[in-house]
Amino acid sequence: MNNLPEIFKALGDDTRLKIVEMLLGKELCVCDIWDAFDKTQPVISHHLKVLKHAGLVVDTRDGKWIYYSLTPEAFELIDSFTSRMRQDLSKKDRQHPCSQNHK
């Protein structure tokens, strides 16, 4: 799973970020997620579909209910990426000479 652009795109929405926060450490039914928002059920279902497609959440069916939970692997990928970025963030190595293509 190297889906970082799709993961970051999915996280680039306030509603989806709130859903992710709600799912931290728990599994929630879509109706519980829906109750936390002033949005229609189809809108919440769309947001969950985007999160699922990006690999951030998984769903589990229990009878007529569908429960959502976070996918640890997706957040490990995000953590790995941000850790690499953090390591080199303070470096300011300048490449010499400048590209020969722009003379």
PDB file of N, CA and C in Angstrom:
ATOM      1  N   MET A   1       0.841  -1.187   0.000  1.00  0.00           N
ATOM      2  CA  MET A   1       0.000   0.000   0.000  1.00  0.00           C
ATOM      3  C   MET A   1       0.884   1.249   0.000  1.00  0.00           C
ATOM      4  N   ASN A   2       0.982   1.922  -1.134  1.00  0.00           N
ATOM      5  CA  ASN A   2       1.670   3.197  -1.194  1.00  0.00           C
ATOM      6  C   ASN A   2       0.736   4.182  -1.867  1.00  0.00           C
ATOM      7  N   ASN A   3      -0.246   4.577  -1.133  1.00  0.00           N
ATOM      8  CA  ASN A   3      -1.369   5.343  -1.628  1.00  0.00           C
ATOM      9  C   ASN A   3      -1.383   6.738  -1.015  1.00  0.00           C
ATOM     10  N   LEU A   4      -0.207   7.305  -0.737  1.00  0.00           N
ATOM     11  CA  LEU A   4      -0.150   8.568  -0.011  1.00  0.00           C
ATOM     12  C   LEU A   4      -0.944   9.702  -0.650  1.00  0.00           C
ATOM     13  N   PRO A   5      -0.854   9.937  -1.954  1.00  0.00           N
ATOM     14  CA  PRO A   5      -1.645  11.045  -2.508  1.00  0.00           C
ATOM     15  C   PRO A   5      -3.142  10.884  -2.245  1.00  0.00           C
ATOM     16  N   GLU A   6      -3.646   9.673  -2.406  1.00  0.00           N
ATOM     17  CA  GLU A   6      -5.072   9.444  -2.173  1.00  0.00           C
ATOM     18  C   GLU A   6      -5.419   9.579  -0.689  1.00  0.00           C
ATOM     19  N   ILE A   7      -4.522   9.124   0.170  1.00  0.00           N
ATOM     20  CA  ILE A   7      -4.734   9.254   1.617  1.00  0.00           C
ATOM     21  C   ILE A   7      -4.811  10.721   2.010  1.00  0.00           C
ATOM     22  N   PHE A   8      -3.825  11.508   1.554  1.00  0.00           N
ATOM     23  CA  PHE A   8      -3.821  12.924   1.911  1.00  0.00           C
ATOM     24  C   PHE A   8      -5.010  13.659   1.306  1.00  0.00           C
ATOM     25  N   LYS A   9      -5.410  13.277   0.102  1.00  0.00           N
ATOM     26  CA  LYS A   9      -6.588  13.884  -0.508  1.00  0.00           C
ATOM     27  C   LYS A   9      -7.837  13.580   0.327  1.00  0.00           C
ATOM     28  N   ALA A  10      -7.959  12.341   0.768  1.00  0.00           N
ATOM     29  CA  ALA A  10      -9.115  11.959   1.592  1.00  0.00           C
ATOM     30  C   ALA A  10      -9.117  12.714   2.919  1.00  0.00           C
ATOM     31  N   LEU A  11      -7.944  12.950   3.471  1.00  0.00           N
ATOM     32  CA  LEU A  11      -7.854  13.662   4.748  1.00  0.00           C
ATOM     33  C   LEU A  11      -7.997  15.173   4.591  1.00  0.00           C
ATOM     34  N   GLY A  12      -8.062  15.645   3.343  1.00  0.00           N
ATOM     35  CA  GLY A  12      -8.150  17.074   3.082  1.00  0.00           C
ATOM     36  C   GLY A  12      -9.569  17.619   3.151  1.00  0.00           C
ATOM     37  N   ASP A  13     -10.388  17.052   3.978  1.00  0.00           N
ATOM     38  CA  ASP A  13     -11.777  17.490   4.132  1.00  0.00           C
ATOM     39  C   ASP A  13     -12.118  17.481   5.619  1.00  0.00           C
ATOM     40  N   ASP A  14     -12.710  18.564   6.102  1.00  0.00           N
ATOM     41  CA  ASP A  14     -13.024  18.689   7.535  1.00  0.00           C
ATOM     42  C   ASP A  14     -13.934  17.574   8.047  1.00  0.00           C
ATOM     43  N   THR A  15     -14.935  17.217   7.264  1.00  0.00           N
ATOM     44  CA  THR A  15     -15.862  16.164   7.702  1.00  0.00           C
ATOM     45  C   THR A  15     -15.130  14.830   7.838  1.00  0.00           C
ATOM     46  N   ARG A  16     -14.306  14.503   6.838  1.00  0.00           N
ATOM     47  CA  ARG A  16     -13.579  13.238   6.905  1.00  0.00           C
ATOM     48  C   ARG A  16     -12.559  13.232   8.036  1.00  0.00           C
ATOM     49  N   LEU A  17     -11.928  14.367   8.289  1.00  0.00           N
ATOM     50  CA  LEU A  17     -11.006  14.439   9.432  1.00  0.00           C
ATOM     51  C   LEU A  17     -11.742  14.190  10.741  1.00  0.00           C
ATOM     52  N   LYS A  18     -12.931  14.756  10.873  1.00  0.00           N
ATOM     53  CA  LYS A  18     -13.710  14.546  12.096  1.00  0.00           C
ATOM     54  C   LYS A  18     -14.120  13.079  12.227  1.00  0.00           C
ATOM     55  N   ILE A  19     -14.489  12.453  11.108  1.00  0.00           N
ATOM     56  CA  ILE A  19     -14.839  11.030  11.146  1.00  0.00           C
ATOM     57  C   ILE A  19     -13.642  10.209  11.614  1.00  0.00           C
ATOM     58  N   VAL A  20     -12.455  10.509  11.088  1.00  0.00           N
ATOM     59  CA  VAL A  20     -11.239   9.794  11.500  1.00  0.00           C
ATOM     60  C   VAL A  20     -11.016   9.975  12.998  1.00  0.00           C
ATOM     61  N   GLU A  21     -11.161  11.193  13.490  1.00  0.00           N
ATOM     62  CA  GLU A  21     -10.999  11.441  14.933  1.00  0.00           C
ATOM     63  C   GLU A  21     -12.014  10.650  15.743  1.00  0.00           C
ATOM     64  N   MET A  22     -13.247  10.561  15.254  1.00  0.00           N
ATOM     65  CA  MET A  22     -14.292   9.808  15.958  1.00  0.00           C
ATOM     66  C   MET A  22     -13.951   8.331  16.050  1.00  0.00           C
ATOM     67  N   LEU A  23     -13.260   7.818  15.026  1.00  0.00           N
ATOM     68  CA  LEU A  23     -12.962   6.386  14.969  1.00  0.00           C
ATOM     69  C   LEU A  23     -11.705   5.985  15.732  1.00  0.00           C
ATOM     70  N   LEU A  24     -10.991   6.955  16.265  1.00  0.00           N
ATOM     71  CA  LEU A  24      -9.770   6.629  17.013  1.00  0.00           C
ATOM     72  C   LEU A  24     -10.092   5.694  18.173  1.00  0.00           C
ATOM     73  N   GLY A  25      -9.540   4.498  18.127  1.00  0.00           N
ATOM     74  CA  GLY A  25      -9.687   3.546  19.215  1.00  0.00           C
ATOM     75  C   GLY A  25     -11.044   2.884  19.331  1.00  0.00           C
ATOM     76  N   LYS A  26     -11.883   3.024  18.293  1.00  0.00           N
ATOM     77  CA  LYS A  26     -13.201   2.383  18.376  1.00  0.00           C
ATOM     78  C   LYS A  26     -13.742   2.072  16.996  1.00  0.00           C
ATOM     79  N   GLU A  27     -14.781   1.291  17.014  1.00  0.00           N
ATOM     80  CA  GLU A  27     -15.515   0.908  15.823  1.00  0.00           C
ATOM     81  C   GLU A  27     -16.903   1.524  15.967  1.00  0.00           C
ATOM     82  N   LEU A  28     -17.360   2.222  14.938  1.00  0.00           N
ATOM     83  CA  LEU A  28     -18.666   2.885  15.025  1.00  0.00           C
ATOM     84  C   LEU A  28     -19.563   2.482  13.865  1.00  0.00           C
ATOM     85  N   CYS A  29     -20.837   2.384  14.157  1.00  0.00           N
ATOM     86  CA  CYS A  29     -21.855   2.143  13.149  1.00  0.00           C
ATOM     87  C   CYS A  29     -22.067   3.443  12.367  1.00  0.00           C
ATOM     88  N   VAL A  30     -22.424   3.314  11.114  1.00  0.00           N
ATOM     89  CA  VAL A  30     -22.651   4.503  10.294  1.00  0.00           C
ATOM     90  C   VAL A  30     -23.689   5.427  10.926  1.00  0.00           C
ATOM     91  N   CYS A  31     -24.688   4.863  11.595  1.00  0.00           N
ATOM     92  CA  CYS A  31     -25.721   5.721  12.208  1.00  0.00           C
ATOM     93  C   CYS A  31     -25.135   6.563  13.350  1.00  0.00           C
ATOM     94  N   ASP A  32     -24.156   6.013  14.093  1.00  0.00           N
ATOM     95  CA  ASP A  32     -23.504   6.785  15.153  1.00  0.00           C
ATOM     96  C   ASP A  32     -22.667   7.923  14.573  1.00  0.00           C
ATOM     97  N   ILE A  33     -22.031   7.658  13.449  1.00  0.00           N
ATOM     98  CA  ILE A  33     -21.247   8.697  12.776  1.00  0.00           C
ATOM     99  C   ILE A  33     -22.191   9.768  12.239  1.00  0.00           C
ATOM    100  N   TRP A  34     -23.257   9.344  11.613  1.00  0.00           N
ATOM    101  CA  TRP A  34     -24.242  10.259  11.039  1.00  0.00           C
ATOM    102  C   TRP A  34     -24.828  11.185  12.098  1.00  0.00           C
ATOM    103  N   ASP A  35     -25.103  10.652  13.284  1.00  0.00           N
ATOM    104  CA  ASP A  35     -25.688  11.451  14.371  1.00  0.00           C
ATOM    105  C   ASP A  35     -24.800  12.619  14.796  1.00  0.00           C
ATOM    106  N   ALA A  36     -23.505  12.522  14.552  1.00  0.00           N
ATOM    107  CA  ALA A  36     -22.571  13.567  14.983  1.00  0.00           C
ATOM    108  C   ALA A  36     -22.519  14.752  14.020  1.00  0.00           C
ATOM    109  N   PHE A  37     -23.206  14.642  12.888  1.00  0.00           N
ATOM    110  CA  PHE A  37     -23.128  15.676  11.858  1.00  0.00           C
ATOM    111  C   PHE A  37     -24.507  16.211  11.510  1.00  0.00           C
ATOM    112  N   ASP A  38     -24.509  17.408  10.977  1.00  0.00           N
ATOM    113  CA  ASP A  38     -25.741  17.995  10.454  1.00  0.00           C
ATOM    114  C   ASP A  38     -25.733  17.810   8.939  1.00  0.00           C
ATOM    115  N   LYS A  39     -25.640  16.536   8.532  1.00  0.00           N
ATOM    116  CA  LYS A  39     -25.587  16.185   7.119  1.00  0.00           C
ATOM    117  C   LYS A  39     -26.489  14.979   6.889  1.00  0.00           C
ATOM    118  N   THR A  40     -26.845  14.753   5.654  1.00  0.00           N
ATOM    119  CA  THR A  40     -27.706  13.612   5.335  1.00  0.00           C
ATOM    120  C   THR A  40     -26.899  12.317   5.375  1.00  0.00           C
ATOM    121  N   GLN A  41     -27.601  11.207   5.516  1.00  0.00           N
ATOM    122  CA  GLN A  41     -26.949   9.897   5.554  1.00  0.00           C
ATOM    123  C   GLN A  41     -26.187   9.618   4.257  1.00  0.00           C
ATOM    124  N   PRO A  42     -26.735   9.955   3.068  1.00  0.00           N
ATOM    125  CA  PRO A  42     -25.960   9.719   1.843  1.00  0.00           C
ATOM    126  C   PRO A  42     -24.641  10.511   1.795  1.00  0.00           C
ATOM    127  N   VAL A  43     -24.642  11.711   2.364  1.00  0.00           N
ATOM    128  CA  VAL A  43     -23.413  12.516   2.393  1.00  0.00           C
ATOM    129  C   VAL A  43     -22.373  11.843   3.278  1.00  0.00           C
ATOM    130  N   ILE A  44     -22.777  11.385   4.453  1.00  0.00           N
ATOM    131  CA  ILE A  44     -21.852  10.690   5.352  1.00  0.00           C
ATOM    132  C   ILE A  44     -21.363   9.396   4.714  1.00  0.00           C
ATOM    133  N   SER A  45     -22.256   8.678   4.069  1.00  0.00           N
ATOM    134  CA  SER A  45     -21.857   7.436   3.385  1.00  0.00           C
ATOM    135  C   SER A  45     -20.827   7.717   2.298  1.00  0.00           C
ATOM    136  N   HIS A  46     -20.992   8.824   1.583  1.00  0.00           N
ATOM    137  CA  HIS A  46     -20.004   9.205   0.563  1.00  0.00           C
ATOM    138  C   HIS A  46     -18.633   9.451   1.201  1.00  0.00           C
ATOM    139  N   HIS A  47     -18.615  10.183   2.315  1.00  0.00           N
ATOM    140  CA  HIS A  47     -17.341  10.458   2.998  1.00  0.00           C
ATOM    141  C   HIS A  47     -16.688   9.156   3.466  1.00  0.00           C
ATOM    142  N   LEU A  48     -17.481   8.247   3.982  1.00  0.00           N
ATOM    143  CA  LEU A  48     -16.949   6.950   4.418  1.00  0.00           C
ATOM    144  C   LEU A  48     -16.408   6.153   3.233  1.00  0.00           C
ATOM    145  N   LYS A  49     -17.079   6.256   2.104  1.00  0.00           N
ATOM    146  CA  LYS A  49     -16.616   5.571   0.892  1.00  0.00           C
ATOM    147  C   LYS A  49     -15.260   6.127   0.450  1.00  0.00           C
ATOM    148  N   VAL A  50     -15.082   7.435   0.505  1.00  0.00           N
ATOM    149  CA  VAL A  50     -13.806   8.061   0.142  1.00  0.00           C
ATOM    150  C   VAL A  50     -12.704   7.577   1.086  1.00  0.00           C
ATOM    151  N   LEU A  51     -12.997   7.563   2.386  1.00  0.00           N
ATOM    152  CA  LEU A  51     -12.012   7.100   3.368  1.00  0.00           C
ATOM    153  C   LEU A  51     -11.677   5.627   3.150  1.00  0.00           C
ATOM    154  N   LYS A  52     -12.668   4.838   2.834  1.00  0.00           N
ATOM    155  CA  LYS A  52     -12.447   3.413   2.593  1.00  0.00           C
ATOM    156  C   LYS A  52     -11.619   3.202   1.323  1.00  0.00           C
ATOM    157  N   HIS A  53     -11.943   3.914   0.267  1.00  0.00           N
ATOM    158  CA  HIS A  53     -11.219   3.799  -1.000  1.00  0.00           C
ATOM    159  C   HIS A  53      -9.749   4.187  -0.831  1.00  0.00           C
ATOM    160  N   ALA A  54      -9.479   5.153   0.045  1.00  0.00           N
ATOM    161  CA  ALA A  54      -8.099   5.577   0.304  1.00  0.00           C
ATOM    162  C   ALA A  54      -7.365   4.601   1.220  1.00  0.00           C
ATOM    163  N   GLY A  55      -8.086   3.645   1.781  1.00  0.00           N
ATOM    164  CA  GLY A  55      -7.464   2.666   2.666  1.00  0.00           C
ATOM    165  C   GLY A  55      -7.364   3.106   4.111  1.00  0.00           C
ATOM    166  N   LEU A  56      -8.067   4.171   4.471  1.00  0.00           N
ATOM    167  CA  LEU A  56      -8.009   4.693   5.832  1.00  0.00           C
ATOM    168  C   LEU A  56      -8.955   3.988   6.791  1.00  0.00           C
ATOM    169  N   VAL A  57     -10.070   3.480   6.268  1.00  0.00           N
ATOM    170  CA  VAL A  57     -11.038   2.770   7.107  1.00  0.00           C
ATOM    171  C   VAL A  57     -11.421   1.447   6.455  1.00  0.00           C
ATOM    172  N   VAL A  58     -11.890   0.549   7.278  1.00  0.00           N
ATOM    173  CA  VAL A  58     -12.471  -0.712   6.807  1.00  0.00           C
ATOM    174  C   VAL A  58     -13.862  -0.811   7.409  1.00  0.00           C
ATOM    175  N   ASP A  59     -14.704  -1.593   6.745  1.00  0.00           N
ATOM    176  CA  ASP A  59     -16.044  -1.801   7.294  1.00  0.00           C
ATOM    177  C   ASP A  59     -16.260  -3.281   7.568  1.00  0.00           C
ATOM    178  N   THR A  60     -17.088  -3.535   8.569  1.00  0.00           N
ATOM    179  CA  THR A  60     -17.432  -4.889   8.980  1.00  0.00           C
ATOM    180  C   THR A  60     -18.942  -4.959   9.128  1.00  0.00           C
ATOM    181  N   ARG A  61     -19.533  -5.942   8.479  1.00  0.00           N
ATOM    182  CA  ARG A  61     -20.984  -6.096   8.564  1.00  0.00           C
ATOM    183  C   ARG A  61     -21.329  -6.999   9.745  1.00  0.00           C
ATOM    184  N   ASP A  62     -22.325  -6.566  10.526  1.00  0.00           N
ATOM    185  CA  ASP A  62     -22.846  -7.361  11.629  1.00  0.00           C
ATOM    186  C   ASP A  62     -24.370  -7.325  11.512  1.00  0.00           C
ATOM    187  N   GLY A  63     -24.912  -8.328  10.854  1.00  0.00           N
ATOM    188  CA  GLY A  63     -26.352  -8.314  10.585  1.00  0.00           C
ATOM    189  C   GLY A  63     -26.672  -7.212   9.605  1.00  0.00           C
ATOM    190  N   LYS A  64     -27.595  -6.329   9.975  1.00  0.00           N
ATOM    191  CA  LYS A  64     -27.951  -5.228   9.078  1.00  0.00           C
ATOM    192  C   LYS A  64     -27.086  -3.989   9.296  1.00  0.00           C
ATOM    193  N   TRP A  65     -26.193  -4.032  10.287  1.00  0.00           N
ATOM    194  CA  TRP A  65     -25.366  -2.876  10.618  1.00  0.00           C
ATOM    195  C   TRP A  65     -23.982  -3.000   9.985  1.00  0.00           C
ATOM    196  N   ILE A  66     -23.440  -1.859   9.608  1.00  0.00           N
ATOM    197  CA  ILE A  66     -22.066  -1.801   9.102  1.00  0.00           C
ATOM    198  C   ILE A  66     -21.269  -0.928  10.060  1.00  0.00           C
ATOM    199  N   TYR A  67     -20.174  -1.500  10.556  1.00  0.00           N
ATOM    200  CA  TYR A  67     -19.301  -0.799  11.491  1.00  0.00           C
ATOM    201  C   TYR A  67     -18.011  -0.394  10.785  1.00  0.00           C
ATOM    202  N   TYR A  68     -17.529   0.783  11.114  1.00  0.00           N
ATOM    203  CA  TYR A  68     -16.304   1.313  10.518  1.00  0.00           C
ATOM    204  C   TYR A  68     -15.222   1.437  11.576  1.00  0.00           C
ATOM    205  N   SER A  69     -13.989   1.167  11.156  1.00  0.00           N
ATOM    206  CA  SER A  69     -12.831   1.339  12.038  1.00  0.00           C
ATOM    207  C   SER A  69     -11.644   1.783  11.187  1.00  0.00           C
ATOM    208  N   LEU A  70     -10.636   2.328  11.852  1.00  0.00           N
ATOM    209  CA  LEU A  70      -9.446   2.809  11.158  1.00  0.00           C
ATOM    210  C   LEU A  70      -8.545   1.656  10.755  1.00  0.00           C
ATOM    211  N   THR A  71      -7.779   1.870   9.706  1.00  0.00           N
ATOM    212  CA  THR A  71      -6.809   0.903   9.214  1.00  0.00           C
ATOM    213  C   THR A  71      -5.427   1.321   9.705  1.00  0.00           C
ATOM    214  N   PRO A  72      -4.858   0.602  10.670  1.00  0.00           N
ATOM    215  CA  PRO A  72      -3.557   1.008  11.215  1.00  0.00           C
ATOM    216  C   PRO A  72      -2.465   1.141  10.151  1.00  0.00           C
ATOM    217  N   GLU A  73      -2.482   0.301   9.128  1.00  0.00           N
ATOM    218  CA  GLU A  73      -1.434   0.340   8.098  1.00  0.00           C
ATOM    219  C   GLU A  73      -1.384   1.681   7.375  1.00  0.00           C
ATOM    220  N   ALA A  74      -2.524   2.289   7.143  1.00  0.00           N
ATOM    221  CA  ALA A  74      -2.549   3.586   6.464  1.00  0.00           C
ATOM    222  C   ALA A  74      -1.881   4.652   7.324  1.00  0.00           C
ATOM    223  N   PHE A  75      -2.113   4.598   8.614  1.00  0.00           N
ATOM    224  CA  PHE A  75      -1.524   5.604   9.497  1.00  0.00           C
ATOM    225  C   PHE A  75      -0.046   5.336   9.740  1.00  0.00           C
ATOM    226  N   GLU A  76       0.365   4.082   9.636  1.00  0.00           N
ATOM    227  CA  GLU A  76       1.795   3.759   9.688  1.00  0.00           C
ATOM    228  C   GLU A  76       2.502   4.310   8.455  1.00  0.00           C
ATOM    229  N   LEU A  77       1.855   4.256   7.307  1.00  0.00           N
ATOM    230  CA  LEU A  77       2.407   4.822   6.085  1.00  0.00           C
ATOM    231  C   LEU A  77       2.550   6.336   6.206  1.00  0.00           C
ATOM    232  N   ILE A  78       1.534   6.993   6.741  1.00  0.00           N
ATOM    233  CA  ILE A  78       1.592   8.443   6.965  1.00  0.00           C
ATOM    234  C   ILE A  78       2.722   8.770   7.935  1.00  0.00           C
ATOM    235  N   ASP A  79       2.824   8.007   9.016  1.00  0.00           N
ATOM    236  CA  ASP A  79       3.863   8.238  10.011  1.00  0.00           C
ATOM    237  C   ASP A  79       5.250   8.060   9.415  1.00  0.00           C
ATOM    238  N   SER A  80       5.431   7.044   8.604  1.00  0.00           N
ATOM    239  CA  SER A  80       6.716   6.802   7.960  1.00  0.00           C
ATOM    240  C   SER A  80       7.099   7.974   7.054  1.00  0.00           C
ATOM    241  N   PHE A  81       6.131   8.452   6.286  1.00  0.00           N
ATOM    242  CA  PHE A  81       6.371   9.583   5.391  1.00  0.00           C
ATOM    243  C   PHE A  81       6.733  10.843   6.175  1.00  0.00           C
ATOM    244  N   THR A  82       5.946  11.167   7.191  1.00  0.00           N
ATOM    245  CA  THR A  82       6.220  12.389   7.957  1.00  0.00           C
ATOM    246  C   THR A  82       7.509  12.275   8.762  1.00  0.00           C
ATOM    247  N   SER A  83       7.866  11.075   9.198  1.00  0.00           N
ATOM    248  CA  SER A  83       9.138  10.884   9.903  1.00  0.00           C
ATOM    249  C   SER A  83      10.314  11.180   8.986  1.00  0.00           C
ATOM    250  N   ARG A  84      10.234  10.678   7.742  1.00  0.00           N
ATOM    251  CA  ARG A  84      11.300  10.961   6.771  1.00  0.00           C
ATOM    252  C   ARG A  84      11.385  12.452   6.492  1.00  0.00           C
ATOM    253  N   MET A  85      10.242  13.086   6.366  1.00  0.00           N
ATOM    254  CA  MET A  85      10.222  14.528   6.111  1.00  0.00           C
ATOM    255  C   MET A  85      10.821  15.297   7.284  1.00  0.00           C
ATOM    256  N   ARG A  86      10.453  14.906   8.486  1.00  0.00           N
ATOM    257  CA  ARG A  86      10.929  15.574   9.695  1.00  0.00           C
ATOM    258  C   ARG A  86      12.447  15.475   9.812  1.00  0.00           C
ATOM    259  N   GLN A  87      13.027  14.342   9.440  1.00  0.00           N
ATOM    260  CA  GLN A  87      14.473  14.143   9.533  1.00  0.00           C
ATOM    261  C   GLN A  87      15.229  15.142   8.673  1.00  0.00           C
ATOM    262  N   ASP A  88      14.715  15.452   7.503  1.00  0.00           N
ATOM    263  CA  ASP A  88      15.427  16.325   6.569  1.00  0.00           C
ATOM    264  C   ASP A  88      14.880  17.745   6.530  1.00  0.00           C
ATOM    265  N   LEU A  89      13.922  18.044   7.362  1.00  0.00           N
ATOM    266  CA  LEU A  89      13.264  19.350   7.311  1.00  0.00           C
ATOM    267  C   LEU A  89      14.216  20.509   7.588  1.00  0.00           C
ATOM    268  N   SER A  90      15.138  20.332   8.496  1.00  0.00           N
ATOM    269  CA  SER A  90      16.033  21.437   8.851  1.00  0.00           C
ATOM    270  C   SER A  90      17.256  21.523   7.947  1.00  0.00           C
ATOM    271  N   LYS A  91      17.460  20.542   7.080  1.00  0.00           N
ATOM    272  CA  LYS A  91      18.588  20.588   6.147  1.00  0.00           C
ATOM    273  C   LYS A  91      18.317  21.626   5.071  1.00  0.00           C
ATOM    274  N   LYS A  92      19.376  22.274   4.646  1.00  0.00           N
ATOM    275  CA  LYS A  92      19.263  23.261   3.576  1.00  0.00           C
ATOM    276  C   LYS A  92      20.385  23.062   2.565  1.00  0.00           C
ATOM    277  N   ASP A  93      20.664  21.803   2.218  1.00  0.00           N
ATOM    278  CA  ASP A  93      21.714  21.513   1.255  1.00  0.00           C
ATOM    279  C   ASP A  93      21.372  22.153  -0.083  1.00  0.00           C
ATOM    280  N   ARG A  94      22.342  22.875  -0.636  1.00  0.00           N
ATOM    281  CA  ARG A  94      22.153  23.507  -1.941  1.00  0.00           C
ATOM    282  C   ARG A  94      22.845  22.660  -2.987  1.00  0.00           C
ATOM    283  N   GLN A  95      22.161  22.405  -4.070  1.00  0.00           N
ATOM    284  CA  GLN A  95      22.724  21.608  -5.150  1.00  0.00           C
ATOM    285  C   GLN A  95      23.530  22.516  -6.076  1.00  0.00           C
ATOM    286  N   HIS A  96      24.762  22.108  -6.336  1.00  0.00           N
ATOM    287  CA  HIS A  96      25.639  22.863  -7.250  1.00  0.00           C
ATOM    288  C   HIS A  96      26.122  21.938  -8.317  1.00  0.00           C
ATOM    289  N   PRO A  97      26.282  22.307  -9.474  1.00  0.00           N
ATOM    290  CA  PRO A  97      25.755  23.557 -10.026  1.00  0.00           C
ATOM    291  C   PRO A  97      24.256  23.446 -10.280  1.00  0.00           C
ATOM    292  N   CYS A  98      23.650  24.588 -10.574  1.00  0.00           N
ATOM    293  CA  CYS A  98      22.235  24.582 -10.920  1.00  0.00           C
ATOM    294  C   CYS A  98      22.037  23.756 -12.177  1.00  0.00           C
ATOM    295  N   SER A  99      20.833  23.359 -12.416  1.00  0.00           N
ATOM    296  CA  SER A  99      20.506  22.540 -13.583  1.00  0.00           C
ATOM    297  C   SER A  99      21.054  23.164 -14.849  1.00  0.00           C
ATOM    298  N   GLN A 100      21.666  22.330 -15.663  1.00  0.00           N
ATOM    299  CA  GLN A 100      22.230  22.792 -16.945  1.00  0.00           C
ATOM    300  C   GLN A 100      21.141  23.064 -17.987  1.00  0.00           C
ATOM    301  N   ASN A 101      19.924  22.656 -17.683  1.00  0.00           N
ATOM    302  CA  ASN A 101      18.827  22.833 -18.636  1.00  0.00           C
ATOM    303  C   ASN A 101      18.294  24.252 -18.680  1.00  0.00           C
ATOM    304  N   HIS A 102      18.699  25.103 -17.758  1.00  0.00           N
ATOM    305  CA  HIS A 102      18.118  26.460 -17.665  1.00  0.00           C
ATOM    306  C   HIS A 102      19.174  27.537 -17.822  1.00  0.00           C
ATOM    307  N   LYS A 103      20.028  27.404 -18.805  1.00  0.00           N
ATOM    308  CA  LYS A 103      21.096  28.413 -19.044  1.00  0.00           C
ATOM    309  C   LYS A 103      20.560  29.567 -19.813  1.00  0.00           C
TER     310      LYS A 103
END
